[in-house]
Amino acid sequence: YRYNDRWSAELAWEFRSHDSEVDLDNGERYDDGNYASSTFWLNGFYHLARRGRWQPYIGAGVGYIEEIDIDLDRSGESERSFSDDGDVAWQAFAGVDYELNERWDLQAEVRYSYLDDVDLDEEGGSGRLSGLDYDPVTFQLGVVYRF
């Protein structure tokens, strides 16, 4: 929702999936894994002065992690999965809109999210991963339509 020329807010759902390499404290190494999350965000934006068709912005938000999951794979072995839910995270971002016409923009953005000290329980087992940090950087390209 755009309040005025400078301030706006968004309520968003975001699914992220990232490749991961993990070294455990016990010396095990998993070189082919996946770290993923499903998050609901409440974000605030501050839009900087428009320069021609370009309008940069910055923002921050707080999120509720509906699910966070890590899958650990190693060549020739079965996958191990760990997950958790119900954590609170935050993010900061910056981007730019390029105005195509009165209603449509192209958008490019970088987001940094952070959730610290995550404890994940093994799915179908008794293992646990503790004290993980989840701090992905995401580059996004999008199309914006203004109602």
N, C-alpha and C. Protein backbone atom coordinates (compact mmCIF):
# COMPACT_ATOMS: atom_id res chain seq x y z
N TYR A 1 0.85 -1.17 0.00
CA TYR A 1 0.00 0.00 0.00
C TYR A 1 0.89 1.23 0.00
N ARG A 2 0.63 2.15 -0.89
CA ARG A 2 1.42 3.37 -0.99
C ARG A 2 0.67 4.50 -0.28
N TYR A 3 1.26 4.98 0.83
CA TYR A 3 0.62 6.04 1.61
C TYR A 3 0.75 7.40 0.97
N ASN A 4 1.93 7.68 0.42
CA ASN A 4 2.21 8.95 -0.26
C ASN A 4 3.43 8.74 -1.17
N ASP A 5 4.05 9.83 -1.63
CA ASP A 5 5.19 9.69 -2.55
C ASP A 5 6.40 9.03 -1.91
N ARG A 6 6.52 9.07 -0.60
CA ARG A 6 7.70 8.56 0.08
C ARG A 6 7.52 7.23 0.81
N TRP A 7 6.34 6.98 1.39
CA TRP A 7 6.16 5.83 2.28
C TRP A 7 5.18 4.81 1.71
N SER A 8 5.53 3.53 1.87
CA SER A 8 4.61 2.46 1.50
C SER A 8 4.88 1.25 2.40
N ALA A 9 3.96 0.29 2.34
CA ALA A 9 4.08 -0.92 3.15
C ALA A 9 3.63 -2.11 2.31
N GLU A 10 4.12 -3.28 2.68
CA GLU A 10 3.67 -4.49 2.00
C GLU A 10 3.52 -5.61 3.02
N LEU A 11 2.56 -6.47 2.76
CA LEU A 11 2.40 -7.73 3.46
C LEU A 11 2.71 -8.78 2.40
N ALA A 12 3.71 -9.62 2.66
CA ALA A 12 4.19 -10.53 1.61
C ALA A 12 4.43 -11.93 2.17
N TRP A 13 4.32 -12.91 1.28
CA TRP A 13 4.74 -14.28 1.55
C TRP A 13 5.91 -14.56 0.65
N GLU A 14 6.91 -15.23 1.20
CA GLU A 14 8.12 -15.49 0.42
C GLU A 14 8.63 -16.90 0.70
N PHE A 15 8.90 -17.63 -0.37
CA PHE A 15 9.54 -18.93 -0.27
C PHE A 15 10.95 -18.79 -0.83
N ARG A 16 11.94 -19.18 -0.05
CA ARG A 16 13.33 -19.12 -0.48
C ARG A 16 13.93 -20.51 -0.42
N SER A 17 14.80 -20.80 -1.37
CA SER A 17 15.53 -22.05 -1.39
C SER A 17 16.95 -21.76 -1.83
N HIS A 18 17.92 -22.20 -1.03
CA HIS A 18 19.33 -21.92 -1.27
C HIS A 18 20.14 -23.19 -1.19
N ASP A 19 21.13 -23.34 -2.05
CA ASP A 19 22.09 -24.43 -1.92
C ASP A 19 22.90 -24.21 -0.65
N SER A 20 23.35 -25.31 -0.05
CA SER A 20 24.15 -25.17 1.16
C SER A 20 25.23 -26.23 1.23
N GLU A 21 26.31 -25.86 1.88
CA GLU A 21 27.38 -26.78 2.26
C GLU A 21 27.51 -26.67 3.77
N VAL A 22 27.53 -27.82 4.47
CA VAL A 22 27.49 -27.80 5.93
C VAL A 22 28.61 -28.67 6.49
N ASP A 23 29.35 -28.10 7.45
CA ASP A 23 30.33 -28.85 8.25
C ASP A 23 29.78 -28.92 9.67
N LEU A 24 29.52 -30.13 10.15
CA LEU A 24 29.01 -30.31 11.51
C LEU A 24 30.15 -30.39 12.51
N ASP A 25 29.86 -30.12 13.77
CA ASP A 25 30.87 -30.16 14.83
C ASP A 25 31.53 -31.53 14.96
N ASN A 26 30.82 -32.59 14.59
CA ASN A 26 31.37 -33.94 14.73
C ASN A 26 32.28 -34.32 13.55
N GLY A 27 32.54 -33.38 12.64
CA GLY A 27 33.44 -33.62 11.51
C GLY A 27 32.74 -34.05 10.23
N GLU A 28 31.45 -34.33 10.28
CA GLU A 28 30.73 -34.71 9.07
C GLU A 28 30.62 -33.50 8.15
N ARG A 29 30.78 -33.75 6.84
CA ARG A 29 30.65 -32.69 5.84
C ARG A 29 29.58 -33.09 4.83
N TYR A 30 28.65 -32.19 4.60
CA TYR A 30 27.61 -32.39 3.60
C TYR A 30 27.81 -31.31 2.54
N ASP A 31 28.20 -31.75 1.33
CA ASP A 31 28.57 -30.78 0.30
C ASP A 31 27.47 -30.49 -0.70
N ASP A 32 26.31 -31.11 -0.54
CA ASP A 32 25.22 -30.88 -1.48
C ASP A 32 23.91 -30.87 -0.71
N GLY A 33 23.52 -29.70 -0.25
CA GLY A 33 22.29 -29.59 0.53
C GLY A 33 21.43 -28.44 0.08
N ASN A 34 20.36 -28.22 0.83
CA ASN A 34 19.40 -27.18 0.51
C ASN A 34 18.86 -26.59 1.81
N TYR A 35 18.86 -25.27 1.89
CA TYR A 35 18.32 -24.52 3.03
C TYR A 35 17.12 -23.75 2.50
N ALA A 36 15.94 -23.94 3.05
CA ALA A 36 14.74 -23.31 2.53
C ALA A 36 13.89 -22.75 3.66
N SER A 37 13.07 -21.74 3.31
CA SER A 37 12.16 -21.15 4.30
C SER A 37 10.89 -20.65 3.63
N SER A 38 9.84 -20.62 4.43
CA SER A 38 8.56 -20.04 4.04
C SER A 38 8.24 -18.98 5.09
N THR A 39 8.13 -17.71 4.66
CA THR A 39 8.04 -16.61 5.61
C THR A 39 6.95 -15.62 5.21
N PHE A 40 6.23 -15.11 6.20
CA PHE A 40 5.30 -13.99 6.01
C PHE A 40 5.98 -12.73 6.52
N TRP A 41 5.98 -11.67 5.71
CA TRP A 41 6.69 -10.43 6.03
C TRP A 41 5.74 -9.24 6.12
N LEU A 42 6.05 -8.32 7.03
CA LEU A 42 5.45 -6.99 7.07
C LEU A 42 6.61 -6.03 6.85
N ASN A 43 6.62 -5.35 5.71
CA ASN A 43 7.74 -4.51 5.30
C ASN A 43 7.32 -3.05 5.13
N GLY A 44 8.23 -2.15 5.46
CA GLY A 44 8.03 -0.73 5.23
C GLY A 44 9.06 -0.23 4.22
N PHE A 45 8.65 0.67 3.34
CA PHE A 45 9.50 1.22 2.29
C PHE A 45 9.61 2.74 2.43
N TYR A 46 10.80 3.26 2.14
CA TYR A 46 10.99 4.70 1.99
C TYR A 46 11.50 4.93 0.58
N HIS A 47 10.73 5.65 -0.23
CA HIS A 47 11.06 5.90 -1.62
C HIS A 47 11.84 7.22 -1.72
N LEU A 48 13.00 7.14 -2.31
CA LEU A 48 13.85 8.32 -2.50
C LEU A 48 13.35 9.13 -3.69
N ALA A 49 13.94 10.30 -3.93
CA ALA A 49 13.51 11.19 -5.00
C ALA A 49 13.63 10.50 -6.36
N ARG A 50 12.60 10.66 -7.17
CA ARG A 50 12.58 10.11 -8.52
C ARG A 50 13.58 10.89 -9.38
N ARG A 51 14.32 10.16 -10.21
CA ARG A 51 15.26 10.75 -11.16
C ARG A 51 14.87 10.27 -12.55
N GLY A 52 14.07 11.07 -13.23
CA GLY A 52 13.54 10.64 -14.52
C GLY A 52 12.59 9.48 -14.31
N ARG A 53 12.85 8.37 -14.96
CA ARG A 53 12.01 7.17 -14.82
C ARG A 53 12.44 6.28 -13.66
N TRP A 54 13.55 6.60 -13.00
CA TRP A 54 14.12 5.76 -11.94
C TRP A 54 13.70 6.27 -10.57
N GLN A 55 13.30 5.35 -9.67
CA GLN A 55 13.02 5.72 -8.29
C GLN A 55 13.61 4.67 -7.35
N PRO A 56 14.72 5.00 -6.68
CA PRO A 56 15.31 4.07 -5.71
C PRO A 56 14.51 4.07 -4.41
N TYR A 57 14.67 3.01 -3.64
CA TYR A 57 14.01 2.90 -2.34
C TYR A 57 14.85 2.04 -1.41
N ILE A 58 14.56 2.18 -0.12
CA ILE A 58 15.14 1.33 0.92
C ILE A 58 14.00 0.85 1.80
N GLY A 59 14.26 -0.20 2.57
CA GLY A 59 13.19 -0.69 3.43
C GLY A 59 13.68 -1.69 4.45
N ALA A 60 12.76 -2.05 5.34
CA ALA A 60 13.05 -3.04 6.38
C ALA A 60 11.74 -3.72 6.74
N GLY A 61 11.86 -4.90 7.36
CA GLY A 61 10.66 -5.61 7.74
C GLY A 61 10.91 -6.64 8.81
N VAL A 62 9.81 -7.12 9.36
CA VAL A 62 9.83 -8.18 10.35
C VAL A 62 9.00 -9.33 9.78
N GLY A 63 9.45 -10.56 10.04
CA GLY A 63 8.78 -11.71 9.46
C GLY A 63 8.53 -12.82 10.44
N TYR A 64 7.56 -13.66 10.11
CA TYR A 64 7.25 -14.86 10.86
C TYR A 64 7.62 -16.04 9.99
N ILE A 65 8.60 -16.83 10.45
CA ILE A 65 9.06 -18.00 9.71
C ILE A 65 8.05 -19.13 9.93
N GLU A 66 7.26 -19.40 8.91
CA GLU A 66 6.28 -20.48 9.00
C GLU A 66 7.00 -21.84 9.02
N GLU A 67 8.05 -21.97 8.21
CA GLU A 67 8.86 -23.18 8.22
C GLU A 67 10.26 -22.85 7.74
N ILE A 68 11.24 -23.46 8.38
CA ILE A 68 12.62 -23.39 7.94
C ILE A 68 13.14 -24.82 7.92
N ASP A 69 13.87 -25.16 6.87
CA ASP A 69 14.23 -26.55 6.63
C ASP A 69 15.61 -26.62 6.01
N ILE A 70 16.40 -27.59 6.43
CA ILE A 70 17.68 -27.85 5.79
C ILE A 70 17.75 -29.34 5.45
N ASP A 71 18.12 -29.61 4.21
CA ASP A 71 18.33 -30.98 3.75
C ASP A 71 19.82 -31.15 3.53
N LEU A 72 20.38 -32.20 4.11
CA LEU A 72 21.81 -32.48 3.99
C LEU A 72 22.00 -33.70 3.11
N ASP A 73 22.79 -33.54 2.06
CA ASP A 73 23.07 -34.62 1.13
C ASP A 73 24.57 -34.81 1.00
N ARG A 74 24.95 -36.07 0.83
CA ARG A 74 26.33 -36.41 0.56
C ARG A 74 26.31 -37.50 -0.50
N SER A 75 27.19 -37.45 -1.44
CA SER A 75 27.21 -38.43 -2.54
C SER A 75 27.12 -39.85 -2.01
N GLY A 76 26.17 -40.61 -2.56
CA GLY A 76 26.05 -42.03 -2.22
C GLY A 76 25.36 -42.32 -0.91
N GLU A 77 24.87 -41.31 -0.20
CA GLU A 77 24.19 -41.53 1.08
C GLU A 77 22.77 -40.98 1.02
N SER A 78 21.95 -41.40 1.96
CA SER A 78 20.59 -40.89 2.00
C SER A 78 20.57 -39.49 2.59
N GLU A 79 19.53 -38.77 2.24
CA GLU A 79 19.37 -37.39 2.70
C GLU A 79 18.91 -37.36 4.15
N ARG A 80 19.39 -36.36 4.89
CA ARG A 80 18.91 -36.08 6.25
C ARG A 80 18.22 -34.73 6.21
N SER A 81 17.05 -34.61 6.83
CA SER A 81 16.29 -33.36 6.84
C SER A 81 16.05 -32.91 8.27
N PHE A 82 16.16 -31.60 8.48
CA PHE A 82 15.92 -30.98 9.77
C PHE A 82 15.01 -29.77 9.55
N SER A 83 14.10 -29.50 10.50
CA SER A 83 13.19 -28.37 10.31
C SER A 83 12.73 -27.78 11.65
N ASP A 84 12.13 -26.59 11.55
CA ASP A 84 11.55 -25.88 12.69
C ASP A 84 10.53 -24.90 12.14
N ASP A 85 9.74 -24.30 13.02
CA ASP A 85 8.79 -23.27 12.61
C ASP A 85 8.54 -22.32 13.76
N GLY A 86 7.87 -21.21 13.44
CA GLY A 86 7.43 -20.29 14.46
C GLY A 86 8.45 -19.28 14.94
N ASP A 87 9.51 -19.02 14.18
CA ASP A 87 10.52 -18.05 14.60
C ASP A 87 10.25 -16.67 13.98
N VAL A 88 10.82 -15.63 14.60
CA VAL A 88 10.71 -14.26 14.09
C VAL A 88 12.04 -13.85 13.49
N ALA A 89 11.98 -13.25 12.30
CA ALA A 89 13.18 -12.81 11.58
C ALA A 89 13.02 -11.35 11.18
N TRP A 90 14.09 -10.76 10.67
CA TRP A 90 14.03 -9.39 10.15
C TRP A 90 14.77 -9.34 8.82
N GLN A 91 14.52 -8.28 8.08
CA GLN A 91 15.23 -8.09 6.82
C GLN A 91 15.39 -6.61 6.50
N ALA A 92 16.38 -6.33 5.67
CA ALA A 92 16.62 -4.99 5.14
C ALA A 92 16.80 -5.14 3.63
N PHE A 93 16.40 -4.13 2.88
CA PHE A 93 16.49 -4.24 1.44
C PHE A 93 16.64 -2.87 0.79
N ALA A 94 17.09 -2.90 -0.46
CA ALA A 94 17.22 -1.70 -1.28
C ALA A 94 16.92 -2.09 -2.72
N GLY A 95 16.35 -1.16 -3.45
CA GLY A 95 16.01 -1.48 -4.83
C GLY A 95 15.74 -0.23 -5.63
N VAL A 96 15.32 -0.47 -6.86
CA VAL A 96 14.99 0.63 -7.76
C VAL A 96 13.84 0.20 -8.66
N ASP A 97 12.92 1.13 -8.87
CA ASP A 97 11.82 0.94 -9.82
C ASP A 97 12.14 1.73 -11.08
N TYR A 98 11.82 1.14 -12.23
CA TYR A 98 11.96 1.84 -13.51
C TYR A 98 10.56 1.94 -14.11
N GLU A 99 10.08 3.17 -14.26
CA GLU A 99 8.72 3.42 -14.73
C GLU A 99 8.59 3.16 -16.22
N LEU A 100 7.72 2.20 -16.58
CA LEU A 100 7.44 1.93 -17.99
C LEU A 100 6.33 2.84 -18.50
N ASN A 101 5.30 3.01 -17.67
CA ASN A 101 4.20 3.93 -17.97
C ASN A 101 3.48 4.25 -16.66
N GLU A 102 2.31 4.85 -16.75
CA GLU A 102 1.58 5.30 -15.56
C GLU A 102 1.26 4.17 -14.57
N ARG A 103 1.09 2.95 -15.05
CA ARG A 103 0.68 1.82 -14.20
C ARG A 103 1.76 0.77 -13.96
N TRP A 104 2.75 0.65 -14.84
CA TRP A 104 3.70 -0.45 -14.79
C TRP A 104 5.12 0.01 -14.52
N ASP A 105 5.82 -0.74 -13.65
CA ASP A 105 7.24 -0.53 -13.37
C ASP A 105 7.98 -1.86 -13.48
N LEU A 106 9.24 -1.78 -13.82
CA LEU A 106 10.16 -2.89 -13.64
C LEU A 106 10.88 -2.63 -12.32
N GLN A 107 11.26 -3.70 -11.61
CA GLN A 107 11.87 -3.53 -10.29
C GLN A 107 13.07 -4.48 -10.14
N ALA A 108 14.14 -3.95 -9.56
CA ALA A 108 15.30 -4.76 -9.19
C ALA A 108 15.59 -4.49 -7.72
N GLU A 109 15.93 -5.56 -6.97
CA GLU A 109 16.05 -5.41 -5.52
C GLU A 109 17.02 -6.43 -4.95
N VAL A 110 17.67 -6.05 -3.86
CA VAL A 110 18.48 -6.99 -3.08
C VAL A 110 17.93 -6.98 -1.65
N ARG A 111 17.75 -8.18 -1.07
CA ARG A 111 17.24 -8.31 0.29
C ARG A 111 18.20 -9.15 1.12
N TYR A 112 18.41 -8.69 2.34
CA TYR A 112 19.21 -9.44 3.31
C TYR A 112 18.29 -9.77 4.48
N SER A 113 18.13 -11.05 4.78
CA SER A 113 17.29 -11.50 5.88
C SER A 113 18.16 -12.13 6.96
N TYR A 114 17.65 -12.12 8.19
CA TYR A 114 18.45 -12.66 9.29
C TYR A 114 17.57 -13.29 10.36
N LEU A 115 17.95 -14.50 10.72
CA LEU A 115 17.37 -15.22 11.85
C LEU A 115 18.53 -15.91 12.53
N ASP A 116 18.76 -15.62 13.82
CA ASP A 116 19.92 -16.21 14.49
C ASP A 116 19.51 -17.29 15.49
N ASP A 117 20.49 -18.13 15.80
CA ASP A 117 20.35 -19.17 16.81
C ASP A 117 19.17 -20.10 16.55
N VAL A 118 19.11 -20.63 15.34
CA VAL A 118 18.04 -21.54 14.93
C VAL A 118 18.36 -22.95 15.42
N ASP A 119 17.37 -23.63 15.99
CA ASP A 119 17.48 -25.03 16.37
C ASP A 119 16.53 -25.85 15.50
N LEU A 120 17.09 -26.82 14.77
CA LEU A 120 16.30 -27.63 13.86
C LEU A 120 16.30 -29.08 14.32
N ASP A 121 15.11 -29.70 14.36
CA ASP A 121 14.98 -31.10 14.75
C ASP A 121 14.94 -31.99 13.51
N GLU A 122 15.59 -33.16 13.62
CA GLU A 122 15.63 -34.09 12.50
C GLU A 122 14.24 -34.67 12.24
N GLU A 123 13.85 -34.66 10.97
CA GLU A 123 12.57 -35.25 10.58
C GLU A 123 12.73 -36.76 10.50
N GLY A 124 11.95 -37.49 11.28
CA GLY A 124 12.03 -38.94 11.29
C GLY A 124 13.23 -39.49 12.04
N GLY A 125 13.82 -38.69 12.92
CA GLY A 125 14.98 -39.13 13.69
C GLY A 125 15.09 -38.36 14.99
N SER A 126 16.16 -38.60 15.71
CA SER A 126 16.32 -37.94 17.01
C SER A 126 17.42 -36.88 16.99
N GLY A 127 17.99 -36.60 15.83
CA GLY A 127 19.07 -35.62 15.74
C GLY A 127 18.57 -34.18 15.86
N ARG A 128 19.51 -33.29 16.11
CA ARG A 128 19.17 -31.87 16.26
C ARG A 128 20.38 -31.05 15.81
N LEU A 129 20.12 -30.00 15.06
CA LEU A 129 21.14 -29.02 14.72
C LEU A 129 20.83 -27.76 15.51
N SER A 130 21.80 -27.25 16.27
CA SER A 130 21.56 -26.11 17.15
C SER A 130 22.48 -24.95 16.82
N GLY A 131 21.96 -23.75 17.08
CA GLY A 131 22.77 -22.54 16.98
C GLY A 131 23.09 -22.10 15.57
N LEU A 132 22.26 -22.48 14.60
CA LEU A 132 22.50 -22.07 13.22
C LEU A 132 22.05 -20.64 12.99
N ASP A 133 22.72 -19.95 12.09
CA ASP A 133 22.28 -18.64 11.62
C ASP A 133 21.74 -18.82 10.20
N TYR A 134 20.63 -18.17 9.93
CA TYR A 134 20.04 -18.19 8.59
C TYR A 134 20.05 -16.76 8.10
N ASP A 135 20.93 -16.47 7.14
CA ASP A 135 21.08 -15.08 6.69
C ASP A 135 21.27 -15.00 5.17
N PRO A 136 20.22 -15.36 4.42
CA PRO A 136 20.32 -15.33 2.96
C PRO A 136 20.29 -13.91 2.39
N VAL A 137 20.97 -13.76 1.26
CA VAL A 137 20.90 -12.56 0.44
C VAL A 137 20.19 -12.96 -0.84
N THR A 138 19.15 -12.23 -1.20
CA THR A 138 18.35 -12.57 -2.37
C THR A 138 18.31 -11.38 -3.33
N PHE A 139 18.57 -11.68 -4.60
CA PHE A 139 18.42 -10.69 -5.66
C PHE A 139 17.12 -10.99 -6.38
N GLN A 140 16.29 -9.96 -6.55
CA GLN A 140 14.96 -10.16 -7.13
C GLN A 140 14.75 -9.21 -8.30
N LEU A 141 14.08 -9.70 -9.31
CA LEU A 141 13.61 -8.90 -10.43
C LEU A 141 12.10 -9.04 -10.46
N GLY A 142 11.38 -7.94 -10.71
CA GLY A 142 9.94 -8.04 -10.68
C GLY A 142 9.27 -7.03 -11.58
N VAL A 143 7.96 -7.20 -11.69
CA VAL A 143 7.10 -6.29 -12.41
C VAL A 143 6.07 -5.77 -11.43
N VAL A 144 5.85 -4.45 -11.41
CA VAL A 144 4.93 -3.82 -10.48
C VAL A 144 3.75 -3.23 -11.27
N TYR A 145 2.53 -3.49 -10.79
CA TYR A 145 1.34 -2.87 -11.33
C TYR A 145 0.70 -2.03 -10.25
N ARG A 146 0.44 -0.75 -10.56
CA ARG A 146 -0.20 0.15 -9.59
C ARG A 146 -1.69 0.27 -9.90
N PHE A 147 -2.50 -0.02 -8.87
CA PHE A 147 -3.97 0.07 -9.02
C PHE A 147 -4.43 1.49 -8.89
